[in-house]
Amino acid sequence: MRTLELLKGLTEKELKLIEAKVLTGKRKSLVPLLKELKKFRTTDNEPDDAELFRKTFGKPYSKNKNYLLRNELRLLNEIIYNYLVEVAFNQHLTKNPGAYNQWLLQSFYNRGMKSMFEADVEKSISVSLADNRPEESSVIFSLKSLWQIQNLPRSVEALKEQQQVIKQFKQEEERRFFFRIREAEAREAFVQHLLDYVEGKQRHNSDDARTSGQSVFDMSKLENSDWRARYLLLKKHAHQTKGILRIEILKEMQEIEEAPYFKGDYGLNAQIVTLTNLALEYLLLEQFELADKYMEQCIERCCLLKQPVPIGNIQNYIANQVILKRYEKGIEIFKKFEDIILKSRSAENILILAGFCYIFLNKPDQAMELVPVASKVNVNNMVVSRLMIAIIFFLRGDYELANNECLNLKRSTYATSLEKKNDVYTLIIQWLGKYFSAFTKGAAVKQKEISALRKILETHRVQIMPHLKKEFALLWLMREIEAGI
């Protein structure tokens, strides 16, 4: 009986610890079961199922109820297993300070304890390197790399720092692999030596029969036969391609992720990331319907798996609804995830997008509620917010206010700094100002000025088109002009 063998492997002190866990557990039937099994620890006999069942449940035994006893034994085994694993793990950590530091850092990382992680990571790397234990240092460098990807700014300096950490991660992983291969080769030589002796063969023809350590490894077979190796290669290629080719790679990744055997580094999140990337790639190709399909799948998958929806997916989804003229759907998603949005770094951008959904629905009051009050870091968002306000004045019929807002914005330091960069916003401000100004004139002059503006926009069509999928003040103006034809 497996449970009895486990109990026999415990010391008296350990047995008392197991008894304490059983006594404090919710499964009270395990108490008499353990008590009965203890009687057989020092004997070669095993308990009879019928007697063990009666002692455990206080009821007569029958073969069709044997599964109840099997289940109790399984639960008792799990308690012992957990204890044995805990002891073995603690012994490993005690013998290897680097491993202790590795798991402590892993805990900080998993819990999002950023200050603790930052404070300890370099010290932990130093300890593992000093002990020459790449099995720990490679994991710590990997954790540091993931932490940097998630927390450092996307600046040239920070990205170069990340490259260096990834290089160190790879170096330590190569050393770890190298050490383990050499250990395997030493064992091979040892077993071959014993086999030669047992078979009565002469060990060596000379005093020196050494062979070189293996230094070349053919990984190509793994990439063709092992789904995990193939998946990791696809992950790499997904960052090195774009367009239709990248979509093909992402779809192959998706097939693997949906398979029952898939257990990725990021677990269920891998499926979410791939759906997000598919949607983004279709957006970049301006295939907005397909992008919409994958963004909706991503949101549905997140809700199904009770995972947070990537904030970038929410932002892109609302923007896409503006392009597809599905403004109500954009507002619906905004309201559904409003709490998450407002706590994110993308809050300002998404407020602007949701505000434009209301603008295109000709609901200026609701749009005004979403206009960001001020932008402390993003000049473009400040200009867009002012343009939104001008459009809102226009929708309310306050044509003079709308025109004045554009005139004030044109004279502002924001517009001046943008004009120096030859930014498209200088043209948008100018064109919106002309449109709003036309509505302050009589009917004949108004039509004449709008016709002139239409010709200007037509002249700049090639220049304008790339901006329509992200500059929604310009998109609004274009649709207004088209609707007035």
Protein backbone atom coordinates (compact mmCIF):
# COMPACT_ATOMS: atom_id res chain seq x y z
CA MET A 1 0.00 0.00 0.00
CA ARG A 2 1.48 3.33 -1.11
CA THR A 3 0.19 5.31 1.87
CA LEU A 4 1.73 2.84 4.31
CA GLU A 5 5.08 3.03 2.49
CA LEU A 6 4.98 6.82 2.83
CA LEU A 7 4.27 6.60 6.54
CA LYS A 8 7.12 4.14 7.04
CA GLY A 9 9.48 6.65 5.42
CA LEU A 10 8.72 9.30 8.04
CA THR A 11 10.53 9.82 11.33
CA GLU A 12 8.54 9.87 14.56
CA LYS A 13 8.86 13.65 14.68
CA GLU A 14 7.63 13.98 11.11
CA LEU A 15 4.75 11.64 11.79
CA LYS A 16 3.58 13.91 14.59
CA LEU A 17 3.67 16.86 12.19
CA ILE A 18 1.51 14.93 9.71
CA GLU A 19 -0.90 14.02 12.53
CA ALA A 20 -1.16 17.70 13.48
CA LYS A 21 -2.00 18.64 9.85
CA VAL A 22 -4.67 15.93 9.70
CA LEU A 23 -6.19 16.93 13.06
CA THR A 24 -6.49 20.58 12.04
CA GLY A 25 -7.81 19.76 8.56
CA LYS A 26 -11.42 19.81 7.44
CA ARG A 27 -11.46 16.12 6.47
CA LYS A 28 -12.25 14.50 9.82
CA SER A 29 -12.43 10.99 8.33
CA LEU A 30 -8.65 11.14 7.82
CA VAL A 31 -8.08 11.11 11.59
CA PRO A 32 -9.25 7.50 12.24
CA LEU A 33 -7.70 6.41 8.91
CA LEU A 34 -4.26 7.64 9.95
CA LYS A 35 -4.67 6.21 13.44
CA GLU A 36 -5.38 2.76 12.01
CA LEU A 37 -2.55 2.87 9.48
CA LYS A 38 -0.01 3.81 12.17
CA LYS A 39 -0.48 0.36 13.69
CA PHE A 40 1.13 -1.21 10.62
CA ARG A 41 4.19 1.10 10.33
CA THR A 42 6.53 -1.29 12.11
CA THR A 43 5.17 -4.52 10.64
CA ASP A 44 5.30 -6.25 7.28
CA ASN A 45 1.54 -6.65 7.22
CA GLU A 46 -1.04 -4.46 5.48
CA PRO A 47 -4.50 -3.57 6.81
CA ASP A 48 -7.57 -5.32 5.46
CA ASP A 49 -9.74 -3.04 3.30
CA ALA A 50 -12.93 -4.02 5.15
CA GLU A 51 -11.45 -3.25 8.58
CA LEU A 52 -9.81 -0.05 7.36
CA PHE A 53 -13.13 1.11 5.86
CA ARG A 54 -15.01 0.36 9.07
CA LYS A 55 -12.45 2.24 11.19
CA THR A 56 -12.48 5.21 8.82
CA PHE A 57 -16.23 5.63 8.23
CA GLY A 58 -17.79 3.63 11.08
CA LYS A 59 -19.86 1.69 8.56
CA PRO A 60 -19.84 -1.83 7.11
CA TYR A 61 -17.65 -2.37 4.03
CA SER A 62 -18.77 -3.43 0.56
CA LYS A 63 -16.74 -3.64 -2.65
CA ASN A 64 -18.87 -1.07 -4.43
CA LYS A 65 -17.85 1.44 -1.74
CA ASN A 66 -14.15 0.79 -2.06
CA TYR A 67 -13.73 3.99 -4.09
CA LEU A 68 -14.55 5.99 -0.91
CA LEU A 69 -11.61 4.42 0.90
CA ARG A 70 -9.34 4.97 -2.15
CA ASN A 71 -10.27 8.65 -2.12
CA GLU A 72 -9.43 9.05 1.58
CA LEU A 73 -6.07 7.35 1.03
CA ARG A 74 -5.39 9.69 -1.90
CA LEU A 75 -6.13 12.75 0.25
CA LEU A 76 -3.84 11.49 2.99
CA ASN A 77 -1.13 10.86 0.39
CA GLU A 78 -1.42 14.47 -0.81
CA ILE A 79 -0.84 15.77 2.73
CA ILE A 80 2.30 13.63 2.99
CA TYR A 81 3.46 14.58 -0.52
CA ASN A 82 3.12 18.28 0.25
CA TYR A 83 5.13 17.85 3.43
CA LEU A 84 7.89 15.91 1.65
CA VAL A 85 8.13 18.48 -1.14
CA GLU A 86 8.27 21.29 1.40
CA VAL A 87 11.09 19.59 3.31
CA ALA A 88 13.08 18.83 0.15
CA PHE A 89 12.62 22.40 -1.10
CA ASN A 90 13.67 23.94 2.22
CA GLN A 91 16.75 21.71 2.32
CA HIS A 92 17.66 22.86 -1.19
CA LEU A 93 17.24 26.52 -0.25
CA THR A 94 19.32 26.05 2.91
CA LYS A 95 22.19 24.50 0.95
CA ASN A 96 22.00 27.04 -1.90
CA PRO A 97 21.69 30.74 -0.93
CA GLY A 98 21.39 31.63 -4.61
CA ALA A 99 18.28 29.46 -4.93
CA TYR A 100 16.79 31.12 -1.85
CA ASN A 101 17.38 34.55 -3.38
CA GLN A 102 15.95 33.37 -6.70
CA TRP A 103 12.64 32.26 -5.16
CA LEU A 104 12.42 35.34 -2.96
CA LEU A 105 12.80 37.52 -6.05
CA GLN A 106 10.23 35.40 -7.87
CA SER A 107 7.81 36.08 -5.04
CA PHE A 108 8.48 39.83 -5.19
CA TYR A 109 7.95 39.73 -8.96
CA ASN A 110 4.72 37.72 -8.80
CA ARG A 111 3.27 40.04 -6.15
CA GLY A 112 4.28 43.23 -7.95
CA MET A 113 6.50 44.34 -5.04
CA LYS A 114 8.59 46.65 -7.23
CA SER A 115 10.65 48.42 -4.57
CA MET A 116 11.60 45.11 -2.94
CA PHE A 117 12.55 43.59 -6.29
CA GLU A 118 14.67 46.60 -7.23
CA ALA A 119 16.43 46.59 -3.86
CA ASP A 120 17.42 42.90 -3.96
CA VAL A 121 17.97 41.92 -7.59
CA GLU A 122 21.59 43.08 -7.97
CA LYS A 123 22.66 41.51 -4.67
CA SER A 124 21.01 38.23 -5.69
CA ILE A 125 22.84 38.26 -9.03
CA SER A 126 26.16 38.83 -7.26
CA VAL A 127 25.59 35.88 -4.89
CA SER A 128 24.66 33.45 -7.65
CA LEU A 129 27.59 34.53 -9.84
CA ALA A 130 30.02 34.24 -6.92
CA ASP A 131 28.76 30.71 -6.21
CA ASN A 132 29.13 29.84 -9.90
CA ARG A 133 25.56 28.54 -10.08
CA PRO A 134 24.13 29.50 -13.48
CA GLU A 135 20.99 27.45 -12.74
CA GLU A 136 20.04 30.31 -10.39
CA SER A 137 21.75 33.28 -12.03
CA SER A 138 20.11 32.57 -15.40
CA VAL A 139 16.65 32.61 -13.78
CA ILE A 140 17.43 35.83 -11.90
CA PHE A 141 18.64 37.55 -15.08
CA SER A 142 15.46 36.33 -16.81
CA LEU A 143 13.32 37.85 -14.03
CA LYS A 144 15.26 41.10 -14.21
CA SER A 145 14.71 41.22 -17.97
CA LEU A 146 10.95 40.67 -17.64
CA TRP A 147 10.76 43.30 -14.90
CA GLN A 148 12.59 45.83 -17.11
CA ILE A 149 10.31 45.12 -20.09
CA GLN A 150 7.26 45.80 -17.94
CA ASN A 151 8.54 48.78 -15.96
CA LEU A 152 11.27 50.73 -17.78
CA PRO A 153 10.44 53.55 -20.22
CA ARG A 154 10.73 52.94 -23.96
CA SER A 155 13.79 55.17 -24.23
CA VAL A 156 16.97 54.38 -26.18
CA GLU A 157 19.02 54.26 -22.97
CA ALA A 158 16.57 51.95 -21.18
CA LEU A 159 16.21 49.62 -24.17
CA LYS A 160 19.99 49.30 -24.54
CA GLU A 161 20.16 48.45 -20.84
CA GLN A 162 17.56 45.74 -21.43
CA GLN A 163 19.61 44.34 -24.32
CA GLN A 164 22.59 43.99 -22.02
CA VAL A 165 20.57 42.14 -19.36
CA ILE A 166 19.15 39.76 -22.00
CA LYS A 167 22.71 39.12 -23.21
CA GLN A 168 23.73 38.21 -19.64
CA PHE A 169 20.65 36.00 -19.34
CA LYS A 170 21.67 34.10 -22.49
CA GLN A 171 25.29 33.77 -21.31
CA GLU A 172 24.21 32.27 -17.98
CA GLU A 173 21.73 29.97 -19.74
CA GLU A 174 24.55 28.75 -22.00
CA ARG A 175 26.74 28.09 -18.95
CA ARG A 176 23.90 26.25 -17.22
CA PHE A 177 23.39 24.07 -20.30
CA PHE A 178 27.17 23.56 -20.66
CA PHE A 179 27.55 22.43 -17.03
CA ARG A 180 24.64 20.00 -17.27
CA ILE A 181 25.96 18.47 -20.52
CA ARG A 182 29.37 17.98 -18.92
CA GLU A 183 27.72 16.34 -15.90
CA ALA A 184 25.78 14.02 -18.24
CA GLU A 185 29.00 13.14 -20.09
CA ALA A 186 30.75 12.30 -16.81
CA ARG A 187 27.90 9.97 -15.87
CA GLU A 188 28.04 8.37 -19.31
CA ALA A 189 31.75 7.65 -18.84
CA PHE A 190 31.14 6.27 -15.34
CA VAL A 191 28.38 3.89 -16.46
CA GLN A 192 30.42 2.79 -19.49
CA HIS A 193 33.36 2.03 -17.20
CA LEU A 194 31.12 -0.13 -14.99
CA LEU A 195 29.59 -1.88 -18.00
CA ASP A 196 33.02 -2.69 -19.41
CA TYR A 197 34.03 -4.14 -16.06
CA VAL A 198 30.83 -6.22 -15.67
CA GLU A 199 31.12 -7.54 -19.24
CA GLY A 200 34.76 -8.39 -18.68
CA LYS A 201 36.04 -6.08 -21.38
CA GLN A 202 39.40 -4.44 -21.28
CA ARG A 203 38.80 -0.91 -20.12
CA HIS A 204 41.17 0.90 -22.46
CA ASN A 205 43.85 -0.06 -24.93
CA SER A 206 46.01 2.73 -23.56
CA ASP A 207 46.41 4.76 -20.40
CA ASP A 208 44.69 7.70 -22.04
CA ALA A 209 41.38 7.10 -23.81
CA ARG A 210 39.94 10.52 -23.21
CA THR A 211 37.41 11.97 -25.65
CA SER A 212 36.64 15.64 -26.21
CA GLY A 213 33.59 17.12 -24.57
CA GLN A 214 30.64 17.70 -26.85
CA SER A 215 30.65 21.26 -28.18
CA VAL A 216 28.27 21.12 -31.17
CA PHE A 217 24.54 20.49 -30.74
CA ASP A 218 22.00 20.03 -33.53
CA MET A 219 18.77 21.72 -32.43
CA SER A 220 17.03 21.57 -35.81
CA LYS A 221 15.29 18.24 -35.11
CA LEU A 222 13.62 19.72 -32.03
CA GLU A 223 12.25 22.66 -33.97
CA ASN A 224 10.55 20.30 -36.41
CA SER A 225 9.30 17.66 -33.98
CA ASP A 226 8.74 19.44 -30.65
CA TRP A 227 5.76 21.83 -30.50
CA ARG A 228 7.29 23.88 -27.67
CA ALA A 229 10.54 24.45 -29.55
CA ARG A 230 8.53 25.43 -32.61
CA TYR A 231 6.38 27.82 -30.57
CA LEU A 232 9.37 29.60 -29.04
CA LEU A 233 10.90 30.07 -32.49
CA LEU A 234 7.60 31.52 -33.71
CA LYS A 235 7.62 33.95 -30.77
CA LYS A 236 11.00 35.19 -31.91
CA HIS A 237 9.91 35.49 -35.55
CA ALA A 238 6.75 37.37 -34.54
CA HIS A 239 9.01 40.22 -33.37
CA GLN A 240 11.07 40.13 -36.57
CA THR A 241 8.30 40.31 -39.16
CA LYS A 242 5.35 42.48 -40.11
CA GLY A 243 2.32 42.48 -42.33
CA ILE A 244 0.86 39.30 -43.86
CA LEU A 245 3.95 37.24 -42.92
CA ARG A 246 3.61 38.21 -39.26
CA ILE A 247 -0.10 37.37 -39.35
CA GLU A 248 0.72 33.88 -40.67
CA ILE A 249 3.21 33.38 -37.84
CA LEU A 250 0.74 34.64 -35.22
CA LYS A 251 -1.97 32.31 -36.52
CA GLU A 252 0.39 29.34 -36.25
CA MET A 253 1.14 30.41 -32.67
CA GLN A 254 -2.59 30.64 -32.03
CA GLU A 255 -3.09 27.05 -33.26
CA ILE A 256 -0.52 25.81 -30.75
CA GLU A 257 -1.98 27.93 -27.93
CA GLU A 258 -5.45 26.53 -28.53
CA ALA A 259 -4.21 22.91 -28.44
CA PRO A 260 -4.89 20.90 -25.24
CA TYR A 261 -1.18 20.24 -24.67
CA PHE A 262 -0.18 23.92 -24.61
CA LYS A 263 1.40 25.19 -21.43
CA GLY A 264 3.19 28.42 -22.27
CA ASP A 265 5.48 30.59 -20.18
CA TYR A 266 2.68 33.09 -19.82
CA GLY A 267 -0.07 30.52 -19.42
CA LEU A 268 -3.47 31.63 -20.62
CA ASN A 269 -2.15 35.15 -21.20
CA ALA A 270 -0.30 33.88 -24.29
CA GLN A 271 -3.62 33.45 -26.09
CA ILE A 272 -4.62 36.99 -25.16
CA VAL A 273 -1.31 38.47 -26.34
CA THR A 274 -1.53 36.68 -29.70
CA LEU A 275 -5.10 37.89 -30.31
CA THR A 276 -4.01 41.43 -29.42
CA ASN A 277 -1.07 41.24 -31.85
CA LEU A 278 -3.26 39.87 -34.64
CA ALA A 279 -5.68 42.74 -34.17
CA LEU A 280 -2.85 45.28 -34.18
CA GLU A 281 -1.32 43.87 -37.35
CA TYR A 282 -4.66 44.04 -39.17
CA LEU A 283 -5.05 47.63 -37.94
CA LEU A 284 -1.68 48.52 -39.42
CA LEU A 285 -2.78 46.94 -42.70
CA GLU A 286 -5.99 49.01 -42.45
CA GLN A 287 -8.11 45.85 -42.54
CA PHE A 288 -10.37 47.27 -39.86
CA GLU A 289 -13.12 44.61 -39.93
CA LEU A 290 -10.61 41.81 -39.31
CA ALA A 291 -8.93 43.90 -36.62
CA ASP A 292 -12.34 44.34 -34.99
CA LYS A 293 -12.91 40.58 -35.05
CA TYR A 294 -9.69 39.79 -33.19
CA MET A 295 -10.07 42.63 -30.69
CA GLU A 296 -13.54 41.36 -29.79
CA GLN A 297 -12.17 37.81 -29.45
CA CYS A 298 -9.48 39.14 -27.14
CA ILE A 299 -12.00 40.94 -24.93
CA GLU A 300 -14.26 37.87 -24.84
CA ARG A 301 -11.31 35.60 -23.99
CA CYS A 302 -10.19 37.90 -21.17
CA CYS A 303 -13.68 37.93 -19.67
CA LEU A 304 -13.98 34.14 -20.04
CA LEU A 305 -10.63 33.49 -18.35
CA LYS A 306 -11.14 36.30 -15.82
CA GLN A 307 -7.95 37.99 -17.01
CA PRO A 308 -7.47 41.76 -17.32
CA VAL A 309 -8.08 43.12 -20.82
CA PRO A 310 -4.87 44.74 -22.19
CA ILE A 311 -5.38 48.49 -22.02
CA GLY A 312 -3.90 48.85 -25.50
CA ASN A 313 -6.59 46.54 -26.85
CA ILE A 314 -9.31 48.69 -25.26
CA GLN A 315 -7.78 51.85 -26.74
CA ASN A 316 -7.44 50.35 -30.22
CA TYR A 317 -10.94 48.89 -30.09
CA ILE A 318 -12.60 52.23 -29.32
CA ALA A 319 -10.51 53.96 -32.00
CA ASN A 320 -11.54 51.29 -34.50
CA GLN A 321 -15.23 51.87 -33.75
CA VAL A 322 -14.77 55.51 -34.78
CA ILE A 323 -13.23 54.42 -38.08
CA LEU A 324 -16.01 51.85 -38.66
CA LYS A 325 -18.72 54.35 -37.63
CA ARG A 326 -19.85 52.09 -34.76
CA TYR A 327 -19.76 54.82 -32.18
CA GLU A 328 -22.25 53.23 -29.78
CA LYS A 329 -20.04 50.13 -29.49
CA GLY A 330 -17.06 52.33 -28.65
CA ILE A 331 -19.02 54.03 -25.88
CA GLU A 332 -20.29 50.67 -24.62
CA ILE A 333 -16.75 49.32 -24.20
CA PHE A 334 -15.62 52.57 -22.58
CA LYS A 335 -18.37 52.36 -19.98
CA LYS A 336 -17.74 48.66 -19.37
CA PHE A 337 -14.05 49.18 -18.58
CA GLU A 338 -14.18 52.77 -17.33
CA ASP A 339 -12.73 51.98 -13.90
CA ILE A 340 -9.73 50.20 -15.45
CA ILE A 341 -9.28 52.95 -18.05
CA LEU A 342 -9.21 55.80 -15.57
CA LYS A 343 -6.50 54.09 -13.50
CA SER A 344 -4.28 53.43 -16.52
CA ARG A 345 -1.53 55.48 -18.14
CA SER A 346 -3.64 55.53 -21.30
CA ALA A 347 -6.61 57.21 -19.61
CA GLU A 348 -6.13 60.54 -21.40
CA ASN A 349 -5.92 58.94 -24.84
CA ILE A 350 -8.99 56.77 -24.28
CA LEU A 351 -11.06 59.65 -22.88
CA ILE A 352 -10.35 61.53 -26.10
CA LEU A 353 -11.41 58.55 -28.23
CA ALA A 354 -14.64 58.00 -26.29
CA GLY A 355 -15.29 61.75 -26.49
CA PHE A 356 -15.04 61.57 -30.28
CA CYS A 357 -17.59 58.74 -30.29
CA TYR A 358 -20.04 61.21 -28.71
CA ILE A 359 -18.96 63.96 -31.11
CA PHE A 360 -19.71 61.78 -34.15
CA LEU A 361 -23.09 60.96 -32.57
CA ASN A 362 -23.71 64.73 -32.29
CA LYS A 363 -23.85 64.55 -28.47
CA PRO A 364 -21.70 67.54 -27.50
CA ASP A 365 -22.62 67.63 -23.81
CA GLN A 366 -21.58 64.00 -23.22
CA ALA A 367 -18.40 64.61 -25.23
CA MET A 368 -17.52 67.66 -23.14
CA GLU A 369 -17.60 65.51 -19.97
CA LEU A 370 -14.78 63.38 -21.38
CA VAL A 371 -12.45 66.10 -22.62
CA PRO A 372 -9.23 65.84 -20.56
CA VAL A 373 -8.86 68.90 -18.35
CA ALA A 374 -5.16 69.32 -19.03
CA SER A 375 -2.23 67.40 -20.39
CA LYS A 376 0.92 67.73 -18.36
CA VAL A 377 3.15 65.70 -20.66
CA ASN A 378 1.60 65.36 -24.09
CA VAL A 379 1.41 68.46 -26.27
CA ASN A 380 -0.48 66.59 -28.98
CA ASN A 381 -3.23 65.59 -26.54
CA MET A 382 -3.50 69.18 -25.33
CA VAL A 383 -4.05 70.35 -28.93
CA VAL A 384 -6.56 67.55 -29.62
CA SER A 385 -8.48 68.42 -26.44
CA ARG A 386 -8.72 72.05 -27.57
CA LEU A 387 -9.89 70.91 -31.03
CA MET A 388 -12.55 68.75 -29.36
CA ILE A 389 -13.78 71.76 -27.43
CA ALA A 390 -13.95 73.80 -30.64
CA ILE A 391 -15.99 71.05 -32.36
CA ILE A 392 -18.27 70.79 -29.32
CA PHE A 393 -18.94 74.56 -29.50
CA PHE A 394 -19.76 74.09 -33.19
CA LEU A 395 -22.18 71.22 -32.49
CA ARG A 396 -23.93 73.41 -29.94
CA GLY A 397 -24.34 76.08 -32.59
CA ASP A 398 -21.78 78.42 -30.99
CA TYR A 399 -19.95 79.09 -34.25
CA GLU A 400 -18.15 82.21 -33.02
CA LEU A 401 -16.82 80.34 -29.96
CA ALA A 402 -15.71 77.46 -32.14
CA ASN A 403 -13.86 79.80 -34.50
CA ASN A 404 -12.31 81.77 -31.62
CA GLU A 405 -11.06 78.54 -30.02
CA CYS A 406 -9.23 77.70 -33.24
CA LEU A 407 -7.81 81.21 -33.50
CA ASN A 408 -6.60 81.10 -29.89
CA LEU A 409 -5.12 77.65 -30.43
CA LYS A 410 -3.36 78.82 -33.58
CA ARG A 411 -1.68 81.61 -31.59
CA SER A 412 -0.78 79.37 -28.63
CA THR A 413 2.69 78.14 -27.78
CA TYR A 414 1.51 74.56 -28.35
CA ALA A 415 0.66 75.24 -31.98
CA THR A 416 3.90 77.18 -32.43
CA SER A 417 6.00 74.24 -31.22
CA LEU A 418 4.07 71.89 -33.50
CA GLU A 419 4.47 74.21 -36.49
CA LYS A 420 8.24 74.12 -36.03
CA LYS A 421 8.04 70.35 -36.50
CA ASN A 422 5.88 70.78 -39.61
CA ASP A 423 3.20 68.82 -37.77
CA VAL A 424 -0.16 67.94 -39.34
CA TYR A 425 -1.95 69.64 -36.44
CA THR A 426 -1.09 73.07 -37.84
CA LEU A 427 -3.08 72.19 -40.96
CA ILE A 428 -5.96 70.67 -38.97
CA ILE A 429 -6.25 73.83 -36.85
CA GLN A 430 -6.20 75.96 -39.99
CA TRP A 431 -8.81 73.89 -41.84
CA LEU A 432 -11.18 73.58 -38.88
CA GLY A 433 -10.89 77.34 -38.36
CA LYS A 434 -11.89 77.96 -41.99
CA TYR A 435 -14.88 75.61 -41.61
CA PHE A 436 -16.13 77.19 -38.40
CA SER A 437 -15.54 80.70 -39.76
CA ALA A 438 -17.72 79.93 -42.79
CA PHE A 439 -20.71 79.33 -40.50
CA THR A 440 -20.39 82.82 -39.07
CA LYS A 441 -21.07 84.29 -42.55
CA GLY A 442 -24.15 84.63 -44.70
CA ALA A 443 -25.43 81.67 -46.69
CA ALA A 444 -23.77 82.61 -49.99
CA VAL A 445 -20.38 83.38 -48.45
CA LYS A 446 -20.66 80.28 -46.28
CA GLN A 447 -21.16 78.00 -49.28
CA LYS A 448 -18.36 79.71 -51.18
CA GLU A 449 -15.87 79.28 -48.30
CA ILE A 450 -16.87 75.65 -47.68
CA SER A 451 -16.45 74.93 -51.41
CA ALA A 452 -13.00 76.51 -51.29
CA LEU A 453 -12.13 74.41 -48.22
CA ARG A 454 -13.38 71.28 -50.01
CA LYS A 455 -10.97 71.98 -52.86
CA ILE A 456 -8.09 72.50 -50.44
CA LEU A 457 -8.82 69.18 -48.77
CA GLU A 458 -9.06 67.44 -52.12
CA THR A 459 -5.70 68.92 -53.10
CA HIS A 460 -4.17 67.54 -49.88
CA ARG A 461 -6.00 64.17 -50.08
CA VAL A 462 -2.81 62.11 -50.49
CA GLN A 463 -1.28 63.87 -47.50
CA ILE A 464 -4.48 63.58 -45.47
CA MET A 465 -5.37 59.90 -45.96
CA PRO A 466 -2.70 58.35 -43.65
CA HIS A 467 -3.88 60.58 -40.79
CA LEU A 468 -7.60 59.82 -40.95
CA LYS A 469 -7.30 56.60 -38.92
CA LYS A 470 -5.82 58.38 -35.91
CA GLU A 471 -6.51 62.14 -36.16
CA PHE A 472 -10.23 62.15 -35.50
CA ALA A 473 -10.68 65.92 -35.57
CA LEU A 474 -9.56 65.74 -39.21
CA LEU A 475 -11.76 62.68 -39.81
CA TRP A 476 -14.73 64.57 -38.37
CA LEU A 477 -14.06 67.52 -40.68
CA MET A 478 -13.77 65.25 -43.74
CA ARG A 479 -17.04 63.50 -42.94
CA GLU A 480 -18.75 66.85 -42.33
CA ILE A 481 -17.59 68.14 -45.70
CA GLU A 482 -18.62 64.90 -47.45
CA ALA A 483 -22.04 64.95 -45.78
CA GLY A 484 -22.60 68.52 -47.00
CA ILE A 485 -22.00 67.69 -50.68
